Amino acid sequence: MDGVVLSIWILRLLFLALLYAFLWAVVRVLLRDLRAAAHEPGAELGRLAVVASPGGEPAPGDAFSLDAVTTLGRDVNNTIVIDDEFASGNHAVLTYRGRAWYIEDLGSTNGTFVNGSPVDGIAPVAFGDELQLGNVRLRLERARR
């Protein structure tokens, strides 16, 4: 075998070994994250506290634990049911991405508001911010530890 062909084969094998090492590292990180998530099945990401509800349901003072994806609206299939005539069936969705909360209006008739400002598309939400869906106002709070 000629020296050039031999060096090309060595480079190919070295590249293949590095590729497998990279894939092994990615799999290890993913497994570690999955195991960590499995150890915290009931970890609460945040809460929505009812500030005002003219219709009475949900009652002011009630608080709801939030999942990574929480749907809000009048329909009974939502994570949090808002019993208000001005709320749409599928009004909005609150999502936890990375380390931040975002709300998205799902084309509701009367709109979704964050601290009195209308949401157009997706808007970031911070702890302490007030969401308004119909006549119901909710405050995003940190999870209880």
Protein backbone atom coordinates (compact mmCIF):
# COMPACT_ATOMS: atom_id res chain seq x y z
CA MET A 1 0.00 0.00 0.00
CA ASP A 2 1.17 3.42 -0.82
CA GLY A 3 1.70 5.97 2.03
CA VAL A 4 -1.01 8.36 0.83
CA VAL A 5 -3.69 5.67 0.74
CA LEU A 6 -2.65 4.49 4.20
CA SER A 7 -2.84 8.01 5.65
CA ILE A 8 -6.31 8.54 4.09
CA TRP A 9 -7.54 5.31 5.71
CA ILE A 10 -6.13 6.40 9.08
CA LEU A 11 -7.87 9.79 8.74
CA ARG A 12 -11.15 8.07 7.85
CA LEU A 13 -10.93 5.78 10.89
CA LEU A 14 -10.00 8.72 13.14
CA PHE A 15 -12.96 10.73 11.84
CA LEU A 16 -15.28 7.77 12.39
CA ALA A 17 -13.98 7.32 15.94
CA LEU A 18 -14.52 11.03 16.69
CA LEU A 19 -18.04 10.87 15.25
CA TYR A 20 -18.93 7.91 17.47
CA ALA A 21 -17.41 9.65 20.52
CA PHE A 22 -19.53 12.74 19.82
CA LEU A 23 -22.71 10.67 19.45
CA TRP A 24 -21.92 8.81 22.68
CA ALA A 25 -21.50 12.15 24.53
CA VAL A 26 -24.85 13.40 23.17
CA VAL A 27 -26.61 10.20 24.28
CA ARG A 28 -25.06 10.46 27.77
CA VAL A 29 -26.27 14.05 28.18
CA LEU A 30 -29.78 13.17 26.99
CA LEU A 31 -30.00 10.20 29.35
CA ARG A 32 -28.79 12.31 32.27
CA ASP A 33 -31.45 14.94 31.55
CA LEU A 34 -34.18 12.32 31.22
CA ARG A 35 -33.19 10.72 34.51
CA ALA A 36 -33.18 14.10 36.24
CA ALA A 37 -36.65 14.85 34.87
CA ALA A 38 -37.90 11.44 36.02
CA HIS A 39 -36.77 12.15 39.58
CA GLU A 40 -38.98 15.27 39.69
CA PRO A 41 -42.34 14.11 38.33
CA GLY A 42 -44.35 16.53 40.43
CA ALA A 43 -42.09 19.52 40.01
CA GLU A 44 -44.27 22.59 39.67
CA LEU A 45 -43.06 25.14 37.11
CA GLY A 46 -45.31 27.97 38.22
CA ARG A 47 -48.82 28.92 39.25
CA LEU A 48 -51.64 31.08 37.97
CA ALA A 49 -53.53 32.84 40.74
CA VAL A 50 -56.98 34.26 40.02
CA VAL A 51 -56.98 38.01 40.74
CA ALA A 52 -60.48 38.88 39.52
CA SER A 53 -63.34 36.84 38.13
CA PRO A 54 -66.65 38.69 37.80
CA GLY A 55 -68.50 35.46 36.93
CA GLY A 56 -67.19 33.78 40.07
CA GLU A 57 -65.62 30.76 38.36
CA PRO A 58 -62.74 30.31 38.85
CA ALA A 59 -63.04 32.02 42.21
CA PRO A 60 -60.69 34.88 43.09
CA GLY A 61 -57.88 33.53 45.24
CA ASP A 62 -57.82 30.13 43.50
CA ALA A 63 -54.44 29.03 42.13
CA PHE A 64 -53.61 26.53 39.41
CA SER A 65 -50.35 24.60 38.98
CA LEU A 66 -48.87 25.03 35.53
CA ASP A 67 -47.50 22.39 33.18
CA ALA A 68 -44.92 23.12 30.48
CA VAL A 69 -47.87 23.60 28.12
CA THR A 70 -51.06 24.91 29.72
CA THR A 71 -54.16 25.69 27.68
CA LEU A 72 -56.69 28.25 28.85
CA GLY A 73 -60.25 28.75 27.70
CA ARG A 74 -63.93 28.04 28.19
CA ASP A 75 -63.83 24.52 26.70
CA VAL A 76 -63.72 21.70 29.26
CA ASN A 77 -60.75 20.10 27.46
CA ASN A 78 -58.44 22.98 28.47
CA THR A 79 -55.96 22.58 31.31
CA ILE A 80 -57.50 25.60 33.05
CA VAL A 81 -61.18 26.21 32.35
CA ILE A 82 -62.19 29.88 32.36
CA ASP A 83 -65.96 30.09 32.87
CA ASP A 84 -66.50 33.54 31.40
CA GLU A 85 -68.82 34.49 28.53
CA PHE A 86 -66.10 36.71 27.02
CA ALA A 87 -63.48 33.91 26.94
CA SER A 88 -63.21 31.76 23.81
CA GLY A 89 -63.39 27.97 23.85
CA ASN A 90 -59.66 27.71 23.17
CA HIS A 91 -58.51 31.16 24.21
CA ALA A 92 -54.75 31.00 24.82
CA VAL A 93 -51.83 28.71 25.57
CA LEU A 94 -49.15 29.37 28.19
CA THR A 95 -45.84 27.60 27.51
CA TYR A 96 -42.60 27.23 29.43
CA ARG A 97 -39.63 27.28 27.05
CA GLY A 98 -36.11 27.20 28.38
CA ARG A 99 -36.43 29.29 31.51
CA ALA A 100 -39.14 31.69 30.41
CA TRP A 101 -42.93 31.73 30.07
CA TYR A 102 -44.72 32.72 26.87
CA ILE A 103 -48.40 33.24 26.11
CA GLU A 104 -49.98 32.84 22.72
CA ASP A 105 -53.46 34.01 21.82
CA LEU A 106 -55.21 31.28 19.83
CA GLY A 107 -57.35 33.63 17.74
CA SER A 108 -59.78 34.47 20.53
CA THR A 109 -62.64 36.86 19.82
CA ASN A 110 -61.88 39.32 22.63
CA GLY A 111 -58.11 38.90 22.75
CA THR A 112 -55.58 38.14 25.46
CA PHE A 113 -53.84 40.86 27.46
CA VAL A 114 -50.60 40.94 29.47
CA ASN A 115 -50.52 43.82 31.98
CA GLY A 116 -53.23 45.56 29.95
CA SER A 117 -51.41 45.29 26.61
CA PRO A 118 -52.93 43.10 23.88
CA VAL A 119 -51.01 40.00 22.85
CA ASP A 120 -50.32 39.79 19.14
CA GLY A 121 -48.91 36.35 18.39
CA ILE A 122 -46.58 35.16 21.15
CA ALA A 123 -45.55 37.37 24.07
CA PRO A 124 -43.14 36.75 26.95
CA VAL A 125 -44.61 36.67 30.45
CA ALA A 126 -42.69 37.20 33.69
CA PHE A 127 -43.58 36.27 37.24
CA GLY A 128 -45.92 38.91 38.66
CA ASP A 129 -47.46 39.76 35.28
CA GLU A 130 -51.24 39.78 34.99
CA LEU A 131 -53.00 37.96 32.18
CA GLN A 132 -56.53 38.86 31.15
CA LEU A 133 -58.79 36.45 29.27
CA GLY A 134 -62.27 37.85 28.84
CA ASN A 135 -63.11 39.42 32.21
CA VAL A 136 -60.89 37.06 34.21
CA ARG A 137 -57.52 38.32 35.42
CA LEU A 138 -54.77 35.90 36.47
CA ARG A 139 -51.30 36.54 37.91
CA LEU A 140 -48.30 34.36 37.04
CA GLU A 141 -46.54 33.35 40.27
CA ARG A 142 -43.50 31.28 41.15
CA ALA A 143 -44.08 27.69 42.19
CA ARG A 144 -44.32 26.95 45.89
CA ARG A 145 -41.26 25.09 47.13
